[in-house]
PDB file of N, CA and C in Angstrom:
ATOM      1  N   MET A   1      -7.916  20.002   1.322  1.00  0.00           N
ATOM      2  CA  MET A   1      -7.206  18.731   1.245  1.00  0.00           C
ATOM      3  C   MET A   1      -8.134  17.593   1.661  1.00  0.00           C
ATOM      4  N   HIS A   2      -7.916  16.455   1.047  1.00  0.00           N
ATOM      5  CA  HIS A   2      -8.677  15.248   1.340  1.00  0.00           C
ATOM      6  C   HIS A   2      -7.694  14.197   1.843  1.00  0.00           C
ATOM      7  N   THR A   3      -8.106  13.443   2.868  1.00  0.00           N
ATOM      8  CA  THR A   3      -7.199  12.450   3.444  1.00  0.00           C
ATOM      9  C   THR A   3      -7.892  11.108   3.648  1.00  0.00           C
ATOM     10  N   LEU A   4      -7.073  10.077   3.706  1.00  0.00           N
ATOM     11  CA  LEU A   4      -7.544   8.733   4.006  1.00  0.00           C
ATOM     12  C   LEU A   4      -6.460   8.022   4.801  1.00  0.00           C
ATOM     13  N   SER A   5      -6.890   7.270   5.787  1.00  0.00           N
ATOM     14  CA  SER A   5      -5.985   6.444   6.574  1.00  0.00           C
ATOM     15  C   SER A   5      -6.613   5.053   6.668  1.00  0.00           C
ATOM     16  N   VAL A   6      -5.840   4.040   6.304  1.00  0.00           N
ATOM     17  CA  VAL A   6      -6.340   2.666   6.320  1.00  0.00           C
ATOM     18  C   VAL A   6      -5.300   1.777   6.981  1.00  0.00           C
ATOM     19  N   GLU A   7      -5.773   0.835   7.782  1.00  0.00           N
ATOM     20  CA  GLU A   7      -4.883  -0.140   8.413  1.00  0.00           C
ATOM     21  C   GLU A   7      -5.221  -1.532   7.901  1.00  0.00           C
ATOM     22  N   PHE A   8      -4.171  -2.288   7.564  1.00  0.00           N
ATOM     23  CA  PHE A   8      -4.313  -3.657   7.088  1.00  0.00           C
ATOM     24  C   PHE A   8      -3.617  -4.579   8.079  1.00  0.00           C
ATOM     25  N   GLU A   9      -4.367  -5.444   8.723  1.00  0.00           N
ATOM     26  CA  GLU A   9      -3.774  -6.410   9.643  1.00  0.00           C
ATOM     27  C   GLU A   9      -3.386  -7.636   8.818  1.00  0.00           C
ATOM     28  N   LEU A  10      -2.096  -7.733   8.530  1.00  0.00           N
ATOM     29  CA  LEU A  10      -1.600  -8.766   7.626  1.00  0.00           C
ATOM     30  C   LEU A  10      -0.864  -9.897   8.336  1.00  0.00           C
ATOM     31  N   GLY A  11      -0.772  -9.828   9.638  1.00  0.00           N
ATOM     32  CA  GLY A  11      -0.078 -10.880  10.368  1.00  0.00           C
ATOM     33  C   GLY A  11       1.373 -11.000   9.942  1.00  0.00           C
ATOM     34  N   ARG A  12       1.812 -12.215   9.701  1.00  0.00           N
ATOM     35  CA  ARG A  12       3.216 -12.475   9.343  1.00  0.00           C
ATOM     36  C   ARG A  12       3.599 -11.859   7.999  1.00  0.00           C
ATOM     37  N   LEU A  13       2.614 -11.487   7.199  1.00  0.00           N
ATOM     38  CA  LEU A  13       2.898 -10.910   5.881  1.00  0.00           C
ATOM     39  C   LEU A  13       3.170  -9.410   5.927  1.00  0.00           C
ATOM     40  N   ALA A  14       2.937  -8.777   7.067  1.00  0.00           N
ATOM     41  CA  ALA A  14       3.074  -7.320   7.154  1.00  0.00           C
ATOM     42  C   ALA A  14       4.495  -6.862   6.827  1.00  0.00           C
ATOM     43  N   GLN A  15       5.480  -7.463   7.439  1.00  0.00           N
ATOM     44  CA  GLN A  15       6.876  -7.062   7.212  1.00  0.00           C
ATOM     45  C   GLN A  15       7.311  -7.252   5.760  1.00  0.00           C
ATOM     46  N   PRO A  16       7.135  -8.454   5.188  1.00  0.00           N
ATOM     47  CA  PRO A  16       7.560  -8.610   3.785  1.00  0.00           C
ATOM     48  C   PRO A  16       6.751  -7.732   2.831  1.00  0.00           C
ATOM     49  N   ALA A  17       5.475  -7.528   3.098  1.00  0.00           N
ATOM     50  CA  ALA A  17       4.666  -6.649   2.239  1.00  0.00           C
ATOM     51  C   ALA A  17       5.194  -5.222   2.317  1.00  0.00           C
ATOM     52  N   PHE A  18       5.490  -4.767   3.513  1.00  0.00           N
ATOM     53  CA  PHE A  18       6.025  -3.420   3.695  1.00  0.00           C
ATOM     54  C   PHE A  18       7.336  -3.255   2.937  1.00  0.00           C
ATOM     55  N   GLU A  19       8.231  -4.218   3.081  1.00  0.00           N
ATOM     56  CA  GLU A  19       9.525  -4.146   2.403  1.00  0.00           C
ATOM     57  C   GLU A  19       9.375  -4.155   0.882  1.00  0.00           C
ATOM     58  N   SER A  20       8.420  -4.916   0.376  1.00  0.00           N
ATOM     59  CA  SER A  20       8.249  -4.974  -1.081  1.00  0.00           C
ATOM     60  C   SER A  20       7.555  -3.726  -1.625  1.00  0.00           C
ATOM     61  N   LEU A  21       6.747  -3.070  -0.817  1.00  0.00           N
ATOM     62  CA  LEU A  21       6.021  -1.878  -1.269  1.00  0.00           C
ATOM     63  C   LEU A  21       6.788  -0.582  -1.064  1.00  0.00           C
ATOM     64  N   ARG A  22       7.723  -0.581  -0.158  1.00  0.00           N
ATOM     65  CA  ARG A  22       8.453   0.653   0.163  1.00  0.00           C
ATOM     66  C   ARG A  22       9.091   1.326  -1.059  1.00  0.00           C
ATOM     67  N   PRO A  23       9.706   0.587  -1.990  1.00  0.00           N
ATOM     68  CA  PRO A  23      10.274   1.257  -3.175  1.00  0.00           C
ATOM     69  C   PRO A  23       9.223   1.989  -4.020  1.00  0.00           C
ATOM     70  N   GLU A  24       7.990   1.525  -3.971  1.00  0.00           N
ATOM     71  CA  GLU A  24       6.930   2.170  -4.752  1.00  0.00           C
ATOM     72  C   GLU A  24       6.662   3.599  -4.280  1.00  0.00           C
ATOM     73  N   LEU A  25       6.978   3.888  -3.040  1.00  0.00           N
ATOM     74  CA  LEU A  25       6.780   5.248  -2.522  1.00  0.00           C
ATOM     75  C   LEU A  25       7.658   6.243  -3.272  1.00  0.00           C
ATOM     76  N   GLN A  26       8.812   5.793  -3.749  1.00  0.00           N
ATOM     77  CA  GLN A  26       9.719   6.648  -4.504  1.00  0.00           C
ATOM     78  C   GLN A  26       9.408   6.615  -5.999  1.00  0.00           C
ATOM     79  N   ALA A  27       8.819   5.520  -6.458  1.00  0.00           N
ATOM     80  CA  ALA A  27       8.629   5.305  -7.889  1.00  0.00           C
ATOM     81  C   ALA A  27       7.381   5.959  -8.460  1.00  0.00           C
ATOM     82  N   ILE A  28       6.456   6.385  -7.611  1.00  0.00           N
ATOM     83  CA  ILE A  28       5.198   6.949  -8.100  1.00  0.00           C
ATOM     84  C   ILE A  28       5.069   8.394  -7.617  1.00  0.00           C
ATOM     85  N   PRO A  29       5.819   9.295  -8.245  1.00  0.00           N
ATOM     86  CA  PRO A  29       5.694  10.688  -7.821  1.00  0.00           C
ATOM     87  C   PRO A  29       4.391  11.302  -8.322  1.00  0.00           C
ATOM     88  N   SER A  30       3.788  12.123  -7.507  1.00  0.00           N
ATOM     89  CA  SER A  30       2.578  12.818  -7.900  1.00  0.00           C
ATOM     90  C   SER A  30       2.582  14.192  -7.268  1.00  0.00           C
ATOM     91  N   GLU A  31       2.197  15.164  -8.049  1.00  0.00           N
ATOM     92  CA  GLU A  31       2.122  16.523  -7.519  1.00  0.00           C
ATOM     93  C   GLU A  31       0.802  16.769  -6.805  1.00  0.00           C
ATOM     94  N   ARG A  32      -0.198  15.911  -7.070  1.00  0.00           N
ATOM     95  CA  ARG A  32      -1.527  16.141  -6.512  1.00  0.00           C
ATOM     96  C   ARG A  32      -1.853  15.275  -5.312  1.00  0.00           C
ATOM     97  N   SER A  33      -1.010  14.281  -5.018  1.00  0.00           N
ATOM     98  CA  SER A  33      -1.254  13.438  -3.840  1.00  0.00           C
ATOM     99  C   SER A  33       0.063  12.985  -3.230  1.00  0.00           C
ATOM    100  N   LYS A  34       0.014  12.717  -1.952  1.00  0.00           N
ATOM    101  CA  LYS A  34       1.168  12.204  -1.215  1.00  0.00           C
ATOM    102  C   LYS A  34       0.730  10.948  -0.474  1.00  0.00           C
ATOM    103  N   VAL A  35       1.599   9.950  -0.489  1.00  0.00           N
ATOM    104  CA  VAL A  35       1.291   8.671   0.141  1.00  0.00           C
ATOM    105  C   VAL A  35       2.408   8.309   1.095  1.00  0.00           C
ATOM    106  N   SER A  36       2.030   7.790   2.257  1.00  0.00           N
ATOM    107  CA  SER A  36       3.037   7.245   3.161  1.00  0.00           C
ATOM    108  C   SER A  36       2.548   5.885   3.654  1.00  0.00           C
ATOM    109  N   LEU A  37       3.503   5.058   4.007  1.00  0.00           N
ATOM    110  CA  LEU A  37       3.236   3.696   4.442  1.00  0.00           C
ATOM    111  C   LEU A  37       4.049   3.462   5.704  1.00  0.00           C
ATOM    112  N   GLU A  38       3.408   2.894   6.717  1.00  0.00           N
ATOM    113  CA  GLU A  38       4.100   2.591   7.976  1.00  0.00           C
ATOM    114  C   GLU A  38       3.837   1.150   8.366  1.00  0.00           C
ATOM    115  N   LEU A  39       4.775   0.598   9.105  1.00  0.00           N
ATOM    116  CA  LEU A  39       4.634  -0.747   9.644  1.00  0.00           C
ATOM    117  C   LEU A  39       4.582  -0.648  11.150  1.00  0.00           C
ATOM    118  N   SER A  40       3.550  -1.235  11.734  1.00  0.00           N
ATOM    119  CA  SER A  40       3.403  -1.256  13.191  1.00  0.00           C
ATOM    120  C   SER A  40       3.026  -2.670  13.599  1.00  0.00           C
ATOM    121  N   GLY A  41       4.026  -3.435  14.000  1.00  0.00           N
ATOM    122  CA  GLY A  41       3.778  -4.839  14.346  1.00  0.00           C
ATOM    123  C   GLY A  41       3.312  -5.619  13.131  1.00  0.00           C
ATOM    124  N   ASP A  42       2.114  -6.184  13.231  1.00  0.00           N
ATOM    125  CA  ASP A  42       1.533  -6.960  12.136  1.00  0.00           C
ATOM    126  C   ASP A  42       0.576  -6.126  11.281  1.00  0.00           C
ATOM    127  N   THR A  43       0.652  -4.805  11.450  1.00  0.00           N
ATOM    128  CA  THR A  43      -0.279  -3.914  10.759  1.00  0.00           C
ATOM    129  C   THR A  43       0.461  -2.987   9.806  1.00  0.00           C
ATOM    130  N   LEU A  44      -0.037  -2.916   8.588  1.00  0.00           N
ATOM    131  CA  LEU A  44       0.467  -1.999   7.584  1.00  0.00           C
ATOM    132  C   LEU A  44      -0.488  -0.809   7.552  1.00  0.00           C
ATOM    133  N   LYS A  45       0.047   0.406   7.675  1.00  0.00           N
ATOM    134  CA  LYS A  45      -0.783   1.604   7.718  1.00  0.00           C
ATOM    135  C   LYS A  45      -0.520   2.449   6.476  1.00  0.00           C
ATOM    136  N   LEU A  46      -1.589   2.768   5.767  1.00  0.00           N
ATOM    137  CA  LEU A  46      -1.525   3.565   4.549  1.00  0.00           C
ATOM    138  C   LEU A  46      -2.160   4.921   4.815  1.00  0.00           C
ATOM    139  N   PHE A  47      -1.449   5.987   4.441  1.00  0.00           N
ATOM    140  CA  PHE A  47      -1.952   7.351   4.594  1.00  0.00           C
ATOM    141  C   PHE A  47      -1.885   8.036   3.236  1.00  0.00           C
ATOM    142  N   VAL A  48      -3.001   8.621   2.817  1.00  0.00           N
ATOM    143  CA  VAL A  48      -3.059   9.323   1.533  1.00  0.00           C
ATOM    144  C   VAL A  48      -3.608  10.720   1.768  1.00  0.00           C
ATOM    145  N   VAL A  49      -2.927  11.714   1.214  1.00  0.00           N
ATOM    146  CA  VAL A  49      -3.381  13.110   1.251  1.00  0.00           C
ATOM    147  C   VAL A  49      -3.393  13.596  -0.192  1.00  0.00           C
ATOM    148  N   ALA A  50      -4.509  14.206  -0.603  1.00  0.00           N
ATOM    149  CA  ALA A  50      -4.628  14.665  -1.981  1.00  0.00           C
ATOM    150  C   ALA A  50      -5.316  16.020  -2.044  1.00  0.00           C
ATOM    151  N   GLU A  51      -4.997  16.732  -3.116  1.00  0.00           N
ATOM    152  CA  GLU A  51      -5.582  18.057  -3.318  1.00  0.00           C
ATOM    153  C   GLU A  51      -7.058  17.988  -3.654  1.00  0.00           C
ATOM    154  N   ASP A  52      -7.475  16.915  -4.347  1.00  0.00           N
ATOM    155  CA  ASP A  52      -8.862  16.813  -4.777  1.00  0.00           C
ATOM    156  C   ASP A  52      -9.317  15.363  -4.700  1.00  0.00           C
ATOM    157  N   VAL A  53     -10.617  15.164  -4.813  1.00  0.00           N
ATOM    158  CA  VAL A  53     -11.196  13.832  -4.676  1.00  0.00           C
ATOM    159  C   VAL A  53     -10.740  12.889  -5.787  1.00  0.00           C
ATOM    160  N   VAL A  54     -10.587  13.399  -6.984  1.00  0.00           N
ATOM    161  CA  VAL A  54     -10.148  12.564  -8.106  1.00  0.00           C
ATOM    162  C   VAL A  54      -8.746  12.007  -7.836  1.00  0.00           C
ATOM    163  N   SER A  55      -7.843  12.847  -7.370  1.00  0.00           N
ATOM    164  CA  SER A  55      -6.480  12.411  -7.047  1.00  0.00           C
ATOM    165  C   SER A  55      -6.481  11.430  -5.884  1.00  0.00           C
ATOM    166  N   LEU A  56      -7.336  11.682  -4.898  1.00  0.00           N
ATOM    167  CA  LEU A  56      -7.440  10.780  -3.748  1.00  0.00           C
ATOM    168  C   LEU A  56      -7.888   9.398  -4.214  1.00  0.00           C
ATOM    169  N   ARG A  57      -8.922   9.361  -5.030  1.00  0.00           N
ATOM    170  CA  ARG A  57      -9.433   8.083  -5.526  1.00  0.00           C
ATOM    171  C   ARG A  57      -8.374   7.344  -6.352  1.00  0.00           C
ATOM    172  N   ALA A  58      -7.668   8.059  -7.196  1.00  0.00           N
ATOM    173  CA  ALA A  58      -6.629   7.427  -8.020  1.00  0.00           C
ATOM    174  C   ALA A  58      -5.521   6.832  -7.149  1.00  0.00           C
ATOM    175  N   ALA A  59      -5.074   7.587  -6.167  1.00  0.00           N
ATOM    176  CA  ALA A  59      -4.019   7.098  -5.279  1.00  0.00           C
ATOM    177  C   ALA A  59      -4.493   5.907  -4.460  1.00  0.00           C
ATOM    178  N   ILE A  60      -5.705   5.989  -3.953  1.00  0.00           N
ATOM    179  CA  ILE A  60      -6.259   4.881  -3.158  1.00  0.00           C
ATOM    180  C   ILE A  60      -6.348   3.618  -4.008  1.00  0.00           C
ATOM    181  N   ASN A  61      -6.894   3.743  -5.213  1.00  0.00           N
ATOM    182  CA  ASN A  61      -7.016   2.577  -6.095  1.00  0.00           C
ATOM    183  C   ASN A  61      -5.659   1.951  -6.385  1.00  0.00           C
ATOM    184  N   THR A  62      -4.669   2.776  -6.670  1.00  0.00           N
ATOM    185  CA  THR A  62      -3.324   2.278  -6.944  1.00  0.00           C
ATOM    186  C   THR A  62      -2.768   1.513  -5.758  1.00  0.00           C
ATOM    187  N   TRP A  63      -2.835   2.115  -4.578  1.00  0.00           N
ATOM    188  CA  TRP A  63      -2.229   1.493  -3.404  1.00  0.00           C
ATOM    189  C   TRP A  63      -3.001   0.290  -2.888  1.00  0.00           C
ATOM    190  N   LEU A  64      -4.322   0.306  -2.990  1.00  0.00           N
ATOM    191  CA  LEU A  64      -5.088  -0.886  -2.617  1.00  0.00           C
ATOM    192  C   LEU A  64      -4.719  -2.051  -3.520  1.00  0.00           C
ATOM    193  N   ARG A  65      -4.557  -1.764  -4.806  1.00  0.00           N
ATOM    194  CA  ARG A  65      -4.157  -2.800  -5.762  1.00  0.00           C
ATOM    195  C   ARG A  65      -2.758  -3.323  -5.441  1.00  0.00           C
ATOM    196  N   LEU A  66      -1.807  -2.434  -5.165  1.00  0.00           N
ATOM    197  CA  LEU A  66      -0.436  -2.858  -4.844  1.00  0.00           C
ATOM    198  C   LEU A  66      -0.391  -3.712  -3.579  1.00  0.00           C
ATOM    199  N   ILE A  67      -1.136  -3.306  -2.563  1.00  0.00           N
ATOM    200  CA  ILE A  67      -1.158  -4.073  -1.308  1.00  0.00           C
ATOM    201  C   ILE A  67      -1.796  -5.435  -1.533  1.00  0.00           C
ATOM    202  N   LYS A  68      -2.867  -5.497  -2.299  1.00  0.00           N
ATOM    203  CA  LYS A  68      -3.528  -6.772  -2.602  1.00  0.00           C
ATOM    204  C   LYS A  68      -2.590  -7.693  -3.387  1.00  0.00           C
ATOM    205  N   ILE A  69      -1.880  -7.142  -4.352  1.00  0.00           N
ATOM    206  CA  ILE A  69      -0.927  -7.949  -5.132  1.00  0.00           C
ATOM    207  C   ILE A  69       0.175  -8.490  -4.230  1.00  0.00           C
ATOM    208  N   ALA A  70       0.723  -7.655  -3.347  1.00  0.00           N
ATOM    209  CA  ALA A  70       1.770  -8.111  -2.425  1.00  0.00           C
ATOM    210  C   ALA A  70       1.244  -9.227  -1.534  1.00  0.00           C
ATOM    211  N   GLU A  71       0.060  -9.038  -0.994  1.00  0.00           N
ATOM    212  CA  GLU A  71      -0.527 -10.067  -0.133  1.00  0.00           C
ATOM    213  C   GLU A  71      -0.739 -11.364  -0.909  1.00  0.00           C
ATOM    214  N   ASP A  72      -1.288 -11.273  -2.114  1.00  0.00           N
ATOM    215  CA  ASP A  72      -1.515 -12.472  -2.936  1.00  0.00           C
ATOM    216  C   ASP A  72      -0.209 -13.186  -3.266  1.00  0.00           C
ATOM    217  N   MET A  73       0.836 -12.416  -3.584  1.00  0.00           N
ATOM    218  CA  MET A  73       2.111 -13.030  -3.936  1.00  0.00           C
ATOM    219  C   MET A  73       2.717 -13.788  -2.763  1.00  0.00           C
ATOM    220  N   PHE A  74       2.615 -13.233  -1.574  1.00  0.00           N
ATOM    221  CA  PHE A  74       3.186 -13.914  -0.417  1.00  0.00           C
ATOM    222  C   PHE A  74       2.344 -15.106   0.015  1.00  0.00           C
ATOM    223  N   ASN A  75       1.080 -15.131  -0.377  1.00  0.00           N
ATOM    224  CA  ASN A  75       0.213 -16.268  -0.053  1.00  0.00           C
ATOM    225  C   ASN A  75       0.242 -17.350  -1.119  1.00  0.00           C
ATOM    226  N   THR A  76       0.888 -17.076  -2.253  1.00  0.00           N
ATOM    227  CA  THR A  76       0.953 -18.050  -3.342  1.00  0.00           C
ATOM    228  C   THR A  76       1.936 -19.142  -2.996  1.00  0.00           C
ATOM    229  N   ARG A  77       1.515 -20.347  -3.177  1.00  0.00           N
ATOM    230  CA  ARG A  77       2.408 -21.486  -2.933  1.00  0.00           C
ATOM    231  C   ARG A  77       2.878 -22.025  -4.274  1.00  0.00           C
ATOM    232  N   VAL A  78       4.162 -22.211  -4.354  1.00  0.00           N
ATOM    233  CA  VAL A  78       4.746 -22.745  -5.578  1.00  0.00           C
ATOM    234  C   VAL A  78       4.717 -24.266  -5.504  1.00  0.00           C
ATOM    235  N   THR A  79       4.173 -24.875  -6.541  1.00  0.00           N
ATOM    236  CA  THR A  79       4.147 -26.344  -6.596  1.00  0.00           C
ATOM    237  C   THR A  79       4.911 -26.792  -7.830  1.00  0.00           C
ATOM    238  N   SER A  80       5.531 -27.931  -7.733  1.00  0.00           N
ATOM    239  CA  SER A  80       6.255 -28.467  -8.894  1.00  0.00           C
ATOM    240  C   SER A  80       5.538 -29.709  -9.385  1.00  0.00           C
ATOM    241  N   SER A  81       5.690 -29.972 -10.671  1.00  0.00           N
ATOM    242  CA  SER A  81       5.018 -31.126 -11.285  1.00  0.00           C
ATOM    243  C   SER A  81       5.862 -32.354 -11.159  1.00  0.00           C
TER     244      SER A  81
END
């Protein structure tokens, strides 16, 4: 088994990012990797376990992208013309 643990210090964005990403844990089933996400204060913790390196890399890429998108969306300011 291959594992990865990453912590993202997101400050005030940690809670809303966690809430927006939590449904994805159910929506992306995989037989070759398992992903969990935890919230600890202002820190989002990502844990990935995979049977092989290819599955680990795929899961990591997916979740890094999802977390980056969530962070970008919460940092986007809406302006009107």
